[in-house]
Amino acid sequence: MPAEALNPELSILLATYNGERYIEAQLDSIISQTYKGFLLYISDDHSSDGTWAILQRYAARYPFICLSRNQQHIGLVRNFEKLLTLCKSRYIAFCDQDDLWAQQKIEKSLEVLEQEEDNRPLLCHSDLRVVDEDLNMLFDSFFAMRSYQFRERRQIDTMLGRCGVMGNTMMINAHLKALVLPFPDGLAVHDYWIALVNELFGKRITLLEPLVTYRIHGLNCSNSRKAVAQRGLRMRDLLPVNYRLPFHHISRENVLRALMRRFVLQESDRQIFDRFLSYLELSDNRLKLSWMLLRYDFLRASWRYRLKTAWKIVWIRS
């Protein structure tokens, strides 16, 4: 029977590109899950190394793998968008090619989503352990490393800035999928868009247990070992005068305006969007912008860091 005919409750989406070094370990961690009966959709983004051959070998052995290959390189965001359009399951989990999943990752994520299911958008995500290329422990909590605190209530201002929801831990339901497709043009990372839309219209469930082992190396799309090492210093030391303002120069404002065109927002949410956009575009009085960084949790950082950033807006030209 073709894998697509199984129509399971859960689909896992795995986007690959030149991942031959780590892909087998990740596939083995998925296959070893305590929860069985899922479909694994894999789309290879025209890899030039041995990734495709590895994927073909696994697909020949495991009938629940639905394998496809792009004829040209389309990038991570569009590759995940393609995968999201292919799956028909009630629940969808996102997976990166170089991590490792805890054996109960699917079981625990799916359990909390099923408990909350009531025909509304839902998203579950978890903490991660951070390791190096050889699985040596760097941090036993990604949330602690980044000083992330997730509250049960809606956090629109936080999600606009340092979102903190990692795509490689996410599981969503079909109601959220229907809202986030298609992805807007200019989107740098898919997890930011999905998490923000869910925060506006659905419910987020945060699991504090690290269910993913997050491998940091020189080729990560969103983090690298060097970036992680430097990030801690930036939070502790004085801001250098040539340090760019957070979230500037990444075209996030274009994505946010696309969201505002697509959806009707509550007035209170629209006001927060407008204020964050005024910070991104420096379109308001500098003192007012500095006050907004203290009023809202856009930076998800200590008061000391927020005060330093506010000081820079007032005294240093962008």
C-alpha atoms as a PDB file:
ATOM      1  CA  MET A   1       0.000   0.000   0.000  1.00  0.00           C
ATOM      2  CA  PRO A   2       1.429   3.462  -0.877  1.00  0.00           C
ATOM      3  CA  ALA A   3       2.472   5.518   2.142  1.00  0.00           C
ATOM      4  CA  GLU A   4       0.065   8.314   1.189  1.00  0.00           C
ATOM      5  CA  ALA A   5      -2.890   5.920   1.448  1.00  0.00           C
ATOM      6  CA  LEU A   6      -2.249   5.274   5.141  1.00  0.00           C
ATOM      7  CA  ASN A   7      -3.677   8.710   6.141  1.00  0.00           C
ATOM      8  CA  PRO A   8      -2.207   8.682   9.661  1.00  0.00           C
ATOM      9  CA  GLU A   9      -2.945  11.094  12.516  1.00  0.00           C
ATOM     10  CA  LEU A  10       0.561  12.602  12.351  1.00  0.00           C
ATOM     11  CA  SER A  11       2.969  13.673   9.622  1.00  0.00           C
ATOM     12  CA  ILE A  12       6.603  14.607  10.212  1.00  0.00           C
ATOM     13  CA  LEU A  13       8.196  17.092   7.811  1.00  0.00           C
ATOM     14  CA  LEU A  14      11.945  16.886   7.188  1.00  0.00           C
ATOM     15  CA  ALA A  15      13.658  19.319   4.809  1.00  0.00           C
ATOM     16  CA  THR A  16      17.167  18.248   3.812  1.00  0.00           C
ATOM     17  CA  TYR A  17      20.085  19.876   2.029  1.00  0.00           C
ATOM     18  CA  ASN A  18      23.680  18.604   2.007  1.00  0.00           C
ATOM     19  CA  GLY A  19      23.134  16.870   5.333  1.00  0.00           C
ATOM     20  CA  GLU A  20      24.981  13.592   4.797  1.00  0.00           C
ATOM     21  CA  ARG A  21      27.083  13.970   7.953  1.00  0.00           C
ATOM     22  CA  TYR A  22      24.186  13.927  10.435  1.00  0.00           C
ATOM     23  CA  ILE A  23      21.050  12.788   8.590  1.00  0.00           C
ATOM     24  CA  GLU A  24      21.280   9.090   9.459  1.00  0.00           C
ATOM     25  CA  ALA A  25      21.409   9.777  13.201  1.00  0.00           C
ATOM     26  CA  GLN A  26      18.328  11.994  12.948  1.00  0.00           C
ATOM     27  CA  LEU A  27      16.414   9.445  10.873  1.00  0.00           C
ATOM     28  CA  ASP A  28      17.270   6.720  13.385  1.00  0.00           C
ATOM     29  CA  SER A  29      15.980   8.893  16.245  1.00  0.00           C
ATOM     30  CA  ILE A  30      12.669   9.367  14.389  1.00  0.00           C
ATOM     31  CA  ILE A  31      12.330   5.684  13.603  1.00  0.00           C
ATOM     32  CA  SER A  32      12.994   4.855  17.278  1.00  0.00           C
ATOM     33  CA  GLN A  33      10.093   6.960  18.571  1.00  0.00           C
ATOM     34  CA  THR A  34       7.745   5.354  21.090  1.00  0.00           C
ATOM     35  CA  TYR A  35       4.822   6.657  19.005  1.00  0.00           C
ATOM     36  CA  LYS A  36       4.322   4.680  15.792  1.00  0.00           C
ATOM     37  CA  GLY A  37       2.046   5.041  12.789  1.00  0.00           C
ATOM     38  CA  PHE A  38       3.188   8.399  11.381  1.00  0.00           C
ATOM     39  CA  LEU A  39       4.207   9.434   7.886  1.00  0.00           C
ATOM     40  CA  LEU A  40       7.627  10.985   7.360  1.00  0.00           C
ATOM     41  CA  TYR A  41       7.658  13.434   4.459  1.00  0.00           C
ATOM     42  CA  ILE A  42      11.173  14.249   3.288  1.00  0.00           C
ATOM     43  CA  SER A  43      11.989  16.814   0.614  1.00  0.00           C
ATOM     44  CA  ASP A  44      15.616  17.071  -0.455  1.00  0.00           C
ATOM     45  CA  ASP A  45      16.526  20.509  -1.774  1.00  0.00           C
ATOM     46  CA  HIS A  46      18.768  19.255  -4.589  1.00  0.00           C
ATOM     47  CA  SER A  47      21.702  18.225  -2.385  1.00  0.00           C
ATOM     48  CA  SER A  48      25.112  17.935  -4.038  1.00  0.00           C
ATOM     49  CA  ASP A  49      26.556  15.493  -1.476  1.00  0.00           C
ATOM     50  CA  GLY A  50      25.480  11.975  -0.503  1.00  0.00           C
ATOM     51  CA  THR A  51      22.249  12.993   1.237  1.00  0.00           C
ATOM     52  CA  TRP A  52      19.939  11.802  -1.548  1.00  0.00           C
ATOM     53  CA  ALA A  53      21.504   8.337  -1.679  1.00  0.00           C
ATOM     54  CA  ILE A  54      21.076   7.961   2.097  1.00  0.00           C
ATOM     55  CA  LEU A  55      17.445   9.035   1.881  1.00  0.00           C
ATOM     56  CA  GLN A  56      16.730   6.588  -0.935  1.00  0.00           C
ATOM     57  CA  ARG A  57      18.185   3.765   1.122  1.00  0.00           C
ATOM     58  CA  TYR A  58      15.972   4.586   4.108  1.00  0.00           C
ATOM     59  CA  ALA A  59      12.865   5.070   1.939  1.00  0.00           C
ATOM     60  CA  ALA A  60      13.373   1.638   0.377  1.00  0.00           C
ATOM     61  CA  ARG A  61      13.440   0.088   3.846  1.00  0.00           C
ATOM     62  CA  TYR A  62      10.650   2.034   5.592  1.00  0.00           C
ATOM     63  CA  PRO A  63       7.299   2.325   3.772  1.00  0.00           C
ATOM     64  CA  PHE A  64       6.130   5.270   5.910  1.00  0.00           C
ATOM     65  CA  ILE A  65       8.732   7.550   4.284  1.00  0.00           C
ATOM     66  CA  CYS A  66       7.385   9.750   1.467  1.00  0.00           C
ATOM     67  CA  LEU A  67      10.444  10.982  -0.394  1.00  0.00           C
ATOM     68  CA  SER A  68      10.756  13.736  -2.994  1.00  0.00           C
ATOM     69  CA  ARG A  69      13.547  15.827  -4.464  1.00  0.00           C
ATOM     70  CA  ASN A  70      13.503  19.386  -5.795  1.00  0.00           C
ATOM     71  CA  GLN A  71      14.825  19.831  -9.315  1.00  0.00           C
ATOM     72  CA  GLN A  72      16.581  23.011  -8.204  1.00  0.00           C
ATOM     73  CA  HIS A  73      17.543  24.550  -4.878  1.00  0.00           C
ATOM     74  CA  ILE A  74      14.594  26.549  -3.461  1.00  0.00           C
ATOM     75  CA  GLY A  75      15.787  27.240   0.103  1.00  0.00           C
ATOM     76  CA  LEU A  76      14.704  26.057   3.530  1.00  0.00           C
ATOM     77  CA  VAL A  77      11.529  28.144   3.880  1.00  0.00           C
ATOM     78  CA  ARG A  78      10.055  27.177   0.501  1.00  0.00           C
ATOM     79  CA  ASN A  79      11.081  23.558   1.034  1.00  0.00           C
ATOM     80  CA  PHE A  80       9.118  23.411   4.294  1.00  0.00           C
ATOM     81  CA  GLU A  81       6.201  25.183   2.609  1.00  0.00           C
ATOM     82  CA  LYS A  82       6.185  22.480  -0.061  1.00  0.00           C
ATOM     83  CA  LEU A  83       6.181  19.760   2.593  1.00  0.00           C
ATOM     84  CA  LEU A  84       3.368  21.439   4.489  1.00  0.00           C
ATOM     85  CA  THR A  85       1.175  21.483   1.375  1.00  0.00           C
ATOM     86  CA  LEU A  86       1.802  17.765   0.758  1.00  0.00           C
ATOM     87  CA  CYS A  87       0.730  16.368   4.132  1.00  0.00           C
ATOM     88  CA  LYS A  88      -2.924  15.750   5.006  1.00  0.00           C
ATOM     89  CA  SER A  89      -2.654  14.730   8.666  1.00  0.00           C
ATOM     90  CA  ARG A  90      -4.439  16.228  11.632  1.00  0.00           C
ATOM     91  CA  TYR A  91      -1.098  16.992  13.316  1.00  0.00           C
ATOM     92  CA  ILE A  92       2.231  18.020  11.781  1.00  0.00           C
ATOM     93  CA  ALA A  93       5.717  18.004  13.330  1.00  0.00           C
ATOM     94  CA  PHE A  94       8.722  19.858  11.901  1.00  0.00           C
ATOM     95  CA  CYS A  95      12.173  18.306  11.891  1.00  0.00           C
ATOM     96  CA  ASP A  96      15.716  19.493  11.097  1.00  0.00           C
ATOM     97  CA  GLN A  97      18.268  17.209   9.487  1.00  0.00           C
ATOM     98  CA  ASP A  98      21.065  17.509  12.045  1.00  0.00           C
ATOM     99  CA  ASP A  99      19.316  17.092  15.424  1.00  0.00           C
ATOM    100  CA  LEU A 100      18.307  14.110  17.545  1.00  0.00           C
ATOM    101  CA  TRP A 101      14.842  13.506  18.971  1.00  0.00           C
ATOM    102  CA  ALA A 102      14.193  12.110  22.434  1.00  0.00           C
ATOM    103  CA  GLN A 103      12.359   8.803  22.127  1.00  0.00           C
ATOM    104  CA  GLN A 104       9.129  10.222  23.570  1.00  0.00           C
ATOM    105  CA  LYS A 105       9.254  13.481  21.650  1.00  0.00           C
ATOM    106  CA  ILE A 106       6.260  12.700  19.451  1.00  0.00           C
ATOM    107  CA  GLU A 107       4.283  10.963  22.192  1.00  0.00           C
ATOM    108  CA  LYS A 108       4.554  13.841  24.665  1.00  0.00           C
ATOM    109  CA  SER A 109       3.888  16.585  22.109  1.00  0.00           C
ATOM    110  CA  LEU A 110       0.910  14.807  20.605  1.00  0.00           C
ATOM    111  CA  GLU A 111      -0.599  14.072  24.008  1.00  0.00           C
ATOM    112  CA  VAL A 112      -0.840  17.739  24.993  1.00  0.00           C
ATOM    113  CA  LEU A 113      -2.231  18.774  21.607  1.00  0.00           C
ATOM    114  CA  GLU A 114      -4.950  16.138  21.740  1.00  0.00           C
ATOM    115  CA  GLN A 115      -5.911  17.328  25.230  1.00  0.00           C
ATOM    116  CA  GLU A 116      -6.340  20.902  23.949  1.00  0.00           C
ATOM    117  CA  GLU A 117      -8.026  20.106  20.629  1.00  0.00           C
ATOM    118  CA  ASP A 118     -11.255  22.074  20.137  1.00  0.00           C
ATOM    119  CA  ASN A 119     -11.230  23.196  16.493  1.00  0.00           C
ATOM    120  CA  ARG A 120      -8.782  26.060  16.973  1.00  0.00           C
ATOM    121  CA  PRO A 121      -5.152  26.549  15.908  1.00  0.00           C
ATOM    122  CA  LEU A 122      -2.673  24.861  18.238  1.00  0.00           C
ATOM    123  CA  LEU A 123       1.111  24.771  18.540  1.00  0.00           C
ATOM    124  CA  CYS A 124       3.269  22.743  20.911  1.00  0.00           C
ATOM    125  CA  HIS A 125       7.000  23.333  21.285  1.00  0.00           C
ATOM    126  CA  SER A 126       9.655  22.313  23.774  1.00  0.00           C
ATOM    127  CA  ASP A 127      13.040  23.130  25.229  1.00  0.00           C
ATOM    128  CA  LEU A 128      16.224  21.684  23.694  1.00  0.00           C
ATOM    129  CA  ARG A 129      19.594  20.407  24.819  1.00  0.00           C
ATOM    130  CA  VAL A 130      22.460  22.125  22.991  1.00  0.00           C
ATOM    131  CA  VAL A 131      25.462  20.057  21.875  1.00  0.00           C
ATOM    132  CA  ASP A 132      28.411  20.475  19.540  1.00  0.00           C
ATOM    133  CA  GLU A 133      29.185  18.544  16.351  1.00  0.00           C
ATOM    134  CA  ASP A 134      30.272  15.493  18.340  1.00  0.00           C
ATOM    135  CA  LEU A 135      27.321  15.580  20.789  1.00  0.00           C
ATOM    136  CA  ASN A 136      29.362  17.074  23.617  1.00  0.00           C
ATOM    137  CA  MET A 137      27.012  18.994  25.919  1.00  0.00           C
ATOM    138  CA  LEU A 138      27.157  22.786  25.662  1.00  0.00           C
ATOM    139  CA  PHE A 139      23.921  23.724  27.479  1.00  0.00           C
ATOM    140  CA  ASP A 140      21.343  21.433  29.041  1.00  0.00           C
ATOM    141  CA  SER A 141      18.605  23.993  28.327  1.00  0.00           C
ATOM    142  CA  PHE A 142      18.284  26.208  25.255  1.00  0.00           C
ATOM    143  CA  PHE A 143      15.650  28.280  27.081  1.00  0.00           C
ATOM    144  CA  ALA A 144      18.070  28.963  29.939  1.00  0.00           C
ATOM    145  CA  MET A 145      20.920  29.715  27.530  1.00  0.00           C
ATOM    146  CA  ARG A 146      18.819  32.360  25.795  1.00  0.00           C
ATOM    147  CA  SER A 147      17.015  33.550  28.969  1.00  0.00           C
ATOM    148  CA  TYR A 148      13.649  32.596  27.476  1.00  0.00           C
ATOM    149  CA  GLN A 149      10.578  32.498  29.697  1.00  0.00           C
ATOM    150  CA  PHE A 150       7.276  31.441  28.173  1.00  0.00           C
ATOM    151  CA  ARG A 151       4.029  32.357  29.903  1.00  0.00           C
ATOM    152  CA  GLU A 152       0.710  30.637  29.350  1.00  0.00           C
ATOM    153  CA  ARG A 153      -0.948  33.904  28.373  1.00  0.00           C
ATOM    154  CA  ARG A 154      -0.606  35.406  24.898  1.00  0.00           C
ATOM    155  CA  GLN A 155       2.730  37.188  24.338  1.00  0.00           C
ATOM    156  CA  ILE A 156       2.264  39.122  21.115  1.00  0.00           C
ATOM    157  CA  ASP A 157       5.035  41.637  21.827  1.00  0.00           C
ATOM    158  CA  THR A 158       7.513  38.877  22.688  1.00  0.00           C
ATOM    159  CA  MET A 159       6.669  36.862  19.569  1.00  0.00           C
ATOM    160  CA  LEU A 160       7.180  39.932  17.391  1.00  0.00           C
ATOM    161  CA  GLY A 161      10.735  40.277  18.660  1.00  0.00           C
ATOM    162  CA  ARG A 162      12.753  37.386  20.112  1.00  0.00           C
ATOM    163  CA  CYS A 163      10.158  34.751  19.366  1.00  0.00           C
ATOM    164  CA  GLY A 164      12.029  31.799  20.866  1.00  0.00           C
ATOM    165  CA  VAL A 165       9.804  29.083  19.377  1.00  0.00           C
ATOM    166  CA  MET A 166      12.220  26.747  17.621  1.00  0.00           C
ATOM    167  CA  GLY A 167      10.888  25.112  14.481  1.00  0.00           C
ATOM    168  CA  ASN A 168      12.724  21.851  15.115  1.00  0.00           C
ATOM    169  CA  THR A 169      10.569  21.293  18.222  1.00  0.00           C
ATOM    170  CA  MET A 170       7.210  22.425  16.806  1.00  0.00           C
ATOM    171  CA  MET A 171       4.097  20.313  16.371  1.00  0.00           C
ATOM    172  CA  ILE A 172       0.978  22.039  15.030  1.00  0.00           C
ATOM    173  CA  ASN A 173      -2.551  21.034  14.076  1.00  0.00           C
ATOM    174  CA  ALA A 174      -4.309  21.278  10.717  1.00  0.00           C
ATOM    175  CA  HIS A 175      -6.236  24.407  11.788  1.00  0.00           C
ATOM    176  CA  LEU A 176      -2.973  26.327  12.151  1.00  0.00           C
ATOM    177  CA  LYS A 177      -1.645  24.906   8.891  1.00  0.00           C
ATOM    178  CA  ALA A 178      -4.659  26.351   7.075  1.00  0.00           C
ATOM    179  CA  LEU A 179      -3.847  29.821   8.430  1.00  0.00           C
ATOM    180  CA  VAL A 180      -0.099  29.942   7.751  1.00  0.00           C
ATOM    181  CA  LEU A 181      -0.188  28.806   4.107  1.00  0.00           C
ATOM    182  CA  PRO A 182       1.011  30.236   1.853  1.00  0.00           C
ATOM    183  CA  PHE A 183       4.159  31.665   3.420  1.00  0.00           C
ATOM    184  CA  PRO A 184       4.697  35.354   2.612  1.00  0.00           C
ATOM    185  CA  ASP A 185       7.481  36.509   0.321  1.00  0.00           C
ATOM    186  CA  GLY A 186      10.700  37.516   2.027  1.00  0.00           C
ATOM    187  CA  LEU A 187      10.241  35.213   5.002  1.00  0.00           C
ATOM    188  CA  ALA A 188      13.661  34.425   6.512  1.00  0.00           C
ATOM    189  CA  VAL A 189      12.577  31.552   8.796  1.00  0.00           C
ATOM    190  CA  HIS A 190       9.313  29.597   8.754  1.00  0.00           C
ATOM    191  CA  ASP A 191       9.058  29.058  12.526  1.00  0.00           C
ATOM    192  CA  TYR A 192       8.789  32.808  13.230  1.00  0.00           C
ATOM    193  CA  TRP A 193       5.779  33.129  10.916  1.00  0.00           C
ATOM    194  CA  ILE A 194       4.030  30.011  12.231  1.00  0.00           C
ATOM    195  CA  ALA A 195       4.575  30.918  15.888  1.00  0.00           C
ATOM    196  CA  LEU A 196       3.383  34.513  15.414  1.00  0.00           C
ATOM    197  CA  VAL A 197       0.205  33.534  13.558  1.00  0.00           C
ATOM    198  CA  ASN A 198      -0.552  30.962  16.242  1.00  0.00           C
ATOM    199  CA  GLU A 199       0.021  33.489  19.025  1.00  0.00           C
ATOM    200  CA  LEU A 200      -2.536  35.758  17.393  1.00  0.00           C
ATOM    201  CA  PHE A 201      -5.247  33.225  16.633  1.00  0.00           C
ATOM    202  CA  GLY A 202      -4.514  29.989  18.486  1.00  0.00           C
ATOM    203  CA  LYS A 203      -3.016  28.536  21.633  1.00  0.00           C
ATOM    204  CA  ARG A 204       0.646  27.788  22.361  1.00  0.00           C
ATOM    205  CA  ILE A 205       1.696  24.970  24.678  1.00  0.00           C
ATOM    206  CA  THR A 206       5.286  25.162  25.933  1.00  0.00           C
ATOM    207  CA  LEU A 207       6.954  22.017  27.258  1.00  0.00           C
ATOM    208  CA  LEU A 208       9.887  22.818  29.533  1.00  0.00           C
ATOM    209  CA  GLU A 209      11.405  19.380  29.049  1.00  0.00           C
ATOM    210  CA  PRO A 210      14.150  19.289  26.369  1.00  0.00           C
ATOM    211  CA  LEU A 211      12.773  16.877  23.766  1.00  0.00           C
ATOM    212  CA  VAL A 212      15.299  17.695  21.043  1.00  0.00           C
ATOM    213  CA  THR A 213      19.075  17.517  21.090  1.00  0.00           C
ATOM    214  CA  TYR A 214      20.059  20.589  19.089  1.00  0.00           C
ATOM    215  CA  ARG A 215      23.378  20.185  17.315  1.00  0.00           C
ATOM    216  CA  ILE A 216      25.308  23.448  16.910  1.00  0.00           C
ATOM    217  CA  HIS A 217      27.900  23.536  14.142  1.00  0.00           C
ATOM    218  CA  GLY A 218      29.238  25.886  11.510  1.00  0.00           C
ATOM    219  CA  LEU A 219      26.466  25.219   8.989  1.00  0.00           C
ATOM    220  CA  ASN A 220      23.309  25.824  11.041  1.00  0.00           C
ATOM    221  CA  CYS A 221      20.714  28.011   9.297  1.00  0.00           C
ATOM    222  CA  SER A 222      19.559  29.900  12.409  1.00  0.00           C
ATOM    223  CA  ASN A 223      22.414  29.402  14.883  1.00  0.00           C
ATOM    224  CA  SER A 224      26.042  28.418  14.734  1.00  0.00           C
ATOM    225  CA  ARG A 225      28.534  27.507  17.436  1.00  0.00           C
ATOM    226  CA  LYS A 226      30.378  30.802  16.966  1.00  0.00           C
ATOM    227  CA  ALA A 227      27.146  32.818  17.148  1.00  0.00           C
ATOM    228  CA  VAL A 228      26.034  31.046  20.316  1.00  0.00           C
ATOM    229  CA  ALA A 229      29.393  31.728  21.971  1.00  0.00           C
ATOM    230  CA  GLN A 230      29.265  35.423  21.068  1.00  0.00           C
ATOM    231  CA  ARG A 231      25.626  35.908  22.034  1.00  0.00           C
ATOM    232  CA  GLY A 232      26.253  35.495  25.736  1.00  0.00           C
ATOM    233  CA  LEU A 233      28.960  38.158  25.665  1.00  0.00           C
ATOM    234  CA  ARG A 234      26.670  40.654  23.971  1.00  0.00           C
ATOM    235  CA  MET A 235      24.117  40.288  26.714  1.00  0.00           C
ATOM    236  CA  ARG A 236      26.674  40.947  29.467  1.00  0.00           C
ATOM    237  CA  ASP A 237      29.053  43.495  28.043  1.00  0.00           C
ATOM    238  CA  LEU A 238      28.518  47.127  27.085  1.00  0.00           C
ATOM    239  CA  LEU A 239      26.994  47.612  23.677  1.00  0.00           C
ATOM    240  CA  PRO A 240      29.665  48.540  21.113  1.00  0.00           C
ATOM    241  CA  VAL A 241      28.829  51.697  19.223  1.00  0.00           C
ATOM    242  CA  ASN A 242      28.736  49.867  15.878  1.00  0.00           C
ATOM    243  CA  TYR A 243      26.310  47.173  17.087  1.00  0.00           C
ATOM    244  CA  ARG A 244      23.140  47.176  15.015  1.00  0.00           C
ATOM    245  CA  LEU A 245      19.799  47.532  16.693  1.00  0.00           C
ATOM    246  CA  PRO A 246      18.043  44.186  17.318  1.00  0.00           C
ATOM    247  CA  PHE A 247      15.880  42.923  14.403  1.00  0.00           C
ATOM    248  CA  HIS A 248      17.030  45.658  12.041  1.00  0.00           C
ATOM    249  CA  HIS A 249      18.333  44.867   8.538  1.00  0.00           C
ATOM    250  CA  ILE A 250      16.465  41.528   8.246  1.00  0.00           C
ATOM    251  CA  SER A 251      13.364  42.864   6.407  1.00  0.00           C
ATOM    252  CA  ARG A 252      11.033  41.649   9.153  1.00  0.00           C
ATOM    253  CA  GLU A 253       8.807  44.680   8.625  1.00  0.00           C
ATOM    254  CA  ASN A 254       7.823  43.385   5.167  1.00  0.00           C
ATOM    255  CA  VAL A 255       6.628  40.094   6.636  1.00  0.00           C
ATOM    256  CA  LEU A 256       4.663  41.848   9.377  1.00  0.00           C
ATOM    257  CA  ARG A 257       2.923  44.140   6.921  1.00  0.00           C
ATOM    258  CA  ALA A 258       2.023  41.098   4.797  1.00  0.00           C
ATOM    259  CA  LEU A 259       0.466  39.532   7.892  1.00  0.00           C
ATOM    260  CA  MET A 260      -1.542  42.662   8.620  1.00  0.00           C
ATOM    261  CA  ARG A 261      -2.861  42.672   5.058  1.00  0.00           C
ATOM    262  CA  ARG A 262      -3.887  39.011   5.229  1.00  0.00           C
ATOM    263  CA  PHE A 263      -5.573  38.934   8.636  1.00  0.00           C
ATOM    264  CA  VAL A 264      -7.949  41.137  10.583  1.00  0.00           C
ATOM    265  CA  LEU A 265      -6.258  41.827  13.920  1.00  0.00           C
ATOM    266  CA  GLN A 266      -7.774  42.845  17.204  1.00  0.00           C
ATOM    267  CA  GLU A 267      -7.271  46.557  17.807  1.00  0.00           C
ATOM    268  CA  SER A 268      -4.969  45.919  20.773  1.00  0.00           C
ATOM    269  CA  ASP A 269      -2.827  43.556  18.675  1.00  0.00           C
ATOM    270  CA  ARG A 270      -2.702  46.010  15.786  1.00  0.00           C
ATOM    271  CA  GLN A 271      -1.432  48.722  18.124  1.00  0.00           C
ATOM    272  CA  ILE A 272       1.414  46.480  19.275  1.00  0.00           C
ATOM    273  CA  PHE A 273       2.239  45.675  15.635  1.00  0.00           C
ATOM    274  CA  ASP A 274       2.270  49.377  14.762  1.00  0.00           C
ATOM    275  CA  ARG A 275       4.597  50.166  17.647  1.00  0.00           C
ATOM    276  CA  PHE A 276       7.008  47.379  16.792  1.00  0.00           C
ATOM    277  CA  LEU A 277       7.015  48.489  13.154  1.00  0.00           C
ATOM    278  CA  SER A 278       7.756  52.063  14.227  1.00  0.00           C
ATOM    279  CA  TYR A 279      10.824  50.667  16.044  1.00  0.00           C
ATOM    280  CA  LEU A 280      11.923  48.621  13.014  1.00  0.00           C
ATOM    281  CA  GLU A 281      11.550  51.619  10.718  1.00  0.00           C
ATOM    282  CA  LEU A 282      12.630  54.268  13.275  1.00  0.00           C
ATOM    283  CA  SER A 283       9.585  56.229  12.160  1.00  0.00           C
ATOM    284  CA  ASP A 284       8.713  57.834  15.494  1.00  0.00           C
ATOM    285  CA  ASN A 285      10.294  60.145  18.034  1.00  0.00           C
ATOM    286  CA  ARG A 286      13.458  58.532  19.423  1.00  0.00           C
ATOM    287  CA  LEU A 287      12.443  59.096  23.049  1.00  0.00           C
ATOM    288  CA  LYS A 288       9.079  57.501  22.354  1.00  0.00           C
ATOM    289  CA  LEU A 289      10.747  54.542  20.665  1.00  0.00           C
ATOM    290  CA  SER A 290      13.041  54.082  23.638  1.00  0.00           C
ATOM    291  CA  TRP A 291      10.085  54.120  25.996  1.00  0.00           C
ATOM    292  CA  MET A 292       8.355  51.437  23.895  1.00  0.00           C
ATOM    293  CA  LEU A 293      11.311  49.095  24.317  1.00  0.00           C
ATOM    294  CA  LEU A 294      10.881  49.446  28.067  1.00  0.00           C
ATOM    295  CA  ARG A 295       7.085  49.205  27.922  1.00  0.00           C
ATOM    296  CA  TYR A 296       6.881  46.089  25.692  1.00  0.00           C
ATOM    297  CA  ASP A 297       8.824  42.841  25.820  1.00  0.00           C
ATOM    298  CA  PHE A 298      10.050  42.981  22.217  1.00  0.00           C
ATOM    299  CA  LEU A 299      13.641  42.181  23.203  1.00  0.00           C
ATOM    300  CA  ARG A 300      12.852  39.401  25.714  1.00  0.00           C
ATOM    301  CA  ALA A 301      15.911  40.451  27.687  1.00  0.00           C
ATOM    302  CA  SER A 302      17.008  41.856  31.016  1.00  0.00           C
ATOM    303  CA  TRP A 303      16.158  45.424  31.990  1.00  0.00           C
ATOM    304  CA  ARG A 304      19.846  46.272  31.722  1.00  0.00           C
ATOM    305  CA  TYR A 305      19.973  45.172  28.089  1.00  0.00           C
ATOM    306  CA  ARG A 306      16.714  46.921  27.290  1.00  0.00           C
ATOM    307  CA  LEU A 307      17.964  50.152  28.855  1.00  0.00           C
ATOM    308  CA  LYS A 308      21.201  49.953  26.840  1.00  0.00           C
ATOM    309  CA  THR A 309      19.275  49.453  23.610  1.00  0.00           C
ATOM    310  CA  ALA A 310      16.927  52.329  24.461  1.00  0.00           C
ATOM    311  CA  TRP A 311      19.974  54.502  25.172  1.00  0.00           C
ATOM    312  CA  LYS A 312      21.410  53.665  21.782  1.00  0.00           C
ATOM    313  CA  ILE A 313      18.216  54.655  19.962  1.00  0.00           C
ATOM    314  CA  VAL A 314      18.361  58.089  21.570  1.00  0.00           C
ATOM    315  CA  TRP A 315      22.074  58.834  21.360  1.00  0.00           C
ATOM    316  CA  ILE A 316      23.479  56.891  18.424  1.00  0.00           C
ATOM    317  CA  ARG A 317      22.399  57.242  14.850  1.00  0.00           C
ATOM    318  CA  SER A 318      21.066  54.022  13.294  1.00  0.00           C
END
